[in-house]
C-alpha atoms as a PDB file:
ATOM      1  CA  UNK A   1      87.399  94.044 101.173  1.00  0.00           C
ATOM      2  CA  UNK A   2      87.449  95.728  98.173  1.00  0.00           C
ATOM      3  CA  UNK A   3      88.450  99.451  97.981  1.00  0.00           C
ATOM      4  CA  UNK A   4      84.933 100.846  97.055  1.00  0.00           C
ATOM      5  CA  UNK A   5      82.773 103.554  98.245  1.00  0.00           C
ATOM      6  CA  UNK A   6      80.219 100.931  99.259  1.00  0.00           C
ATOM      7  CA  UNK A   7      80.067  98.503 101.616  1.00  0.00           C
ATOM      8  CA  UNK A   8      77.949  95.220 101.010  1.00  0.00           C
ATOM      9  CA  UNK A   9      75.847  92.765 103.305  1.00  0.00           C
ATOM     10  CA  UNK A  10      78.549  90.214 103.246  1.00  0.00           C
ATOM     11  CA  UNK A  11      81.458  93.010 104.041  1.00  0.00           C
ATOM     12  CA  UNK A  12      79.112  94.039 106.692  1.00  0.00           C
ATOM     13  CA  UNK A  13      78.835  90.837 108.091  1.00  0.00           C
ATOM     14  CA  UNK A  14      82.155  90.345 107.963  1.00  0.00           C
ATOM     15  CA  UNK A  15      83.207  94.095 109.879  1.00  0.00           C
ATOM     16  CA  UNK A  16      80.826  93.289 112.571  1.00  0.00           C
ATOM     17  CA  UNK A  17      82.157  89.508 113.214  1.00  0.00           C
ATOM     18  CA  UNK A  18      86.169  90.837 113.073  1.00  0.00           C
ATOM     19  CA  UNK A  19      85.193  93.458 115.573  1.00  0.00           C
ATOM     20  CA  UNK A  20      83.828  90.966 118.034  1.00  0.00           C
ATOM     21  CA  UNK A  21      86.520  88.668 117.889  1.00  0.00           C
ATOM     22  CA  UNK A  22      88.654  91.518 118.211  1.00  0.00           C
ATOM     23  CA  UNK A  23      87.142  92.507 121.302  1.00  0.00           C
ATOM     24  CA  UNK A  24      87.912  89.245 122.557  1.00  0.00           C
ATOM     25  CA  UNK A  25      91.520  89.590 121.928  1.00  0.00           C
ATOM     26  CA  UNK A  26      91.758  93.132 122.719  1.00  0.00           C
ATOM     27  CA  UNK A  27      89.797  93.510 125.678  1.00  0.00           C
ATOM     28  CA  UNK A  28      91.510  96.884 126.971  1.00  0.00           C
ATOM     29  CA  UNK A  29      90.172  98.520 123.984  1.00  0.00           C
ATOM     30  CA  UNK A  30      86.605 100.670 124.158  1.00  0.00           C
ATOM     31  CA  UNK A  31      84.254  99.753 122.155  1.00  0.00           C
ATOM     32  CA  UNK A  32      84.826 102.549 119.577  1.00  0.00           C
ATOM     33  CA  UNK A  33      88.567 101.998 119.493  1.00  0.00           C
ATOM     34  CA  UNK A  34      87.915  98.250 118.539  1.00  0.00           C
ATOM     35  CA  UNK A  35      85.413  99.582 115.862  1.00  0.00           C
ATOM     36  CA  UNK A  36      87.747 102.152 114.281  1.00  0.00           C
ATOM     37  CA  UNK A  37      90.788  99.970 114.444  1.00  0.00           C
ATOM     38  CA  UNK A  38      89.087  97.452 112.486  1.00  0.00           C
ATOM     39  CA  UNK A  39      87.888  99.731 109.931  1.00  0.00           C
ATOM     40  CA  UNK A  40      91.237 101.077 109.586  1.00  0.00           C
ATOM     41  CA  UNK A  41      92.678  97.345 108.904  1.00  0.00           C
ATOM     42  CA  UNK A  42      89.355  96.186 106.779  1.00  0.00           C
ATOM     43  CA  UNK A  43      88.782  99.317 104.818  1.00  0.00           C
ATOM     44  CA  UNK A  44      91.471 102.260 105.188  1.00  0.00           C
ATOM     45  CA  UNK A  45      90.104 104.287 102.019  1.00  0.00           C
ATOM     46  CA  UNK A  46      86.662 104.457 104.690  1.00  0.00           C
ATOM     47  CA  UNK A  47      88.791 105.253 107.749  1.00  0.00           C
ATOM     48  CA  UNK A  48      90.613 107.915 106.167  1.00  0.00           C
ATOM     49  CA  UNK A  49      86.957 109.308 105.023  1.00  0.00           C
ATOM     50  CA  UNK A  50      85.796 109.401 108.518  1.00  0.00           C
ATOM     51  CA  UNK A  51      88.730 110.536 110.341  1.00  0.00           C
ATOM     52  CA  UNK A  52      88.158 113.573 112.215  1.00  0.00           C
ATOM     53  CA  UNK A  53      84.358 113.691 111.364  1.00  0.00           C
ATOM     54  CA  UNK A  54      81.344 113.102 113.470  1.00  0.00           C
ATOM     55  CA  UNK A  55      81.773 109.599 112.465  1.00  0.00           C
ATOM     56  CA  UNK A  56      85.008 109.013 114.158  1.00  0.00           C
ATOM     57  CA  UNK A  57      84.479 106.779 117.004  1.00  0.00           C
ATOM     58  CA  UNK A  58      87.972 106.307 118.207  1.00  0.00           C
ATOM     59  CA  UNK A  59      87.611 108.575 121.290  1.00  0.00           C
ATOM     60  CA  UNK A  60      83.996 108.479 121.291  1.00  0.00           C
ATOM     61  CA  UNK A  61      81.897 105.473 122.235  1.00  0.00           C
ATOM     62  CA  UNK A  62      78.577 106.857 121.560  1.00  0.00           C
ATOM     63  CA  UNK A  63      79.584 107.684 117.738  1.00  0.00           C
ATOM     64  CA  UNK A  64      79.625 103.898 116.796  1.00  0.00           C
ATOM     65  CA  UNK A  65      76.062 103.781 116.299  1.00  0.00           C
ATOM     66  CA  UNK A  66      76.204 106.554 113.764  1.00  0.00           C
ATOM     67  CA  UNK A  67      79.519 105.372 112.144  1.00  0.00           C
ATOM     68  CA  UNK A  68      77.704 101.375 112.011  1.00  0.00           C
ATOM     69  CA  UNK A  69      74.372 103.047 110.245  1.00  0.00           C
ATOM     70  CA  UNK A  70      76.544 104.857 107.915  1.00  0.00           C
ATOM     71  CA  UNK A  71      78.278 101.582 106.667  1.00  0.00           C
ATOM     72  CA  UNK A  72      74.953  99.741 106.963  1.00  0.00           C
ATOM     73  CA  UNK A  73      73.291 101.971 104.604  1.00  0.00           C
ATOM     74  CA  UNK A  74      75.514 102.041 101.725  1.00  0.00           C
ATOM     75  CA  UNK A  75      78.263 104.647 103.111  1.00  0.00           C
ATOM     76  CA  UNK A  76      76.617 108.263 101.813  1.00  0.00           C
ATOM     77  CA  UNK A  77      78.356 111.339 101.672  1.00  0.00           C
ATOM     78  CA  UNK A  78      81.306 111.831 103.911  1.00  0.00           C
ATOM     79  CA  UNK A  79      80.222 114.064 106.730  1.00  0.00           C
ATOM     80  CA  UNK A  80      81.995 117.591 107.103  1.00  0.00           C
ATOM     81  CA  UNK A  81      85.672 117.377 109.020  1.00  0.00           C
ATOM     82  CA  UNK A  82      85.799 118.782 112.383  1.00  0.00           C
ATOM     83  CA  UNK A  83      88.423 121.512 112.932  1.00  0.00           C
END
């Protein structure tokens, strides 16, 4: 994936596909862990932006829909970091 501040439709589809495949090979990972780890591999620039924010789903599966929406809508402004 390109290192830009946007995610196009093809990148998002690729991201979702890699998440699905990764879940099959890493069934012990929770959904949030899988999504976060795939983002870290495919778009480390975006992972760095969301780390320790309300979009960081590594330990919080319930944040996955919000992160996916953030990615799907063209990566708007980065949320504030949590203390």
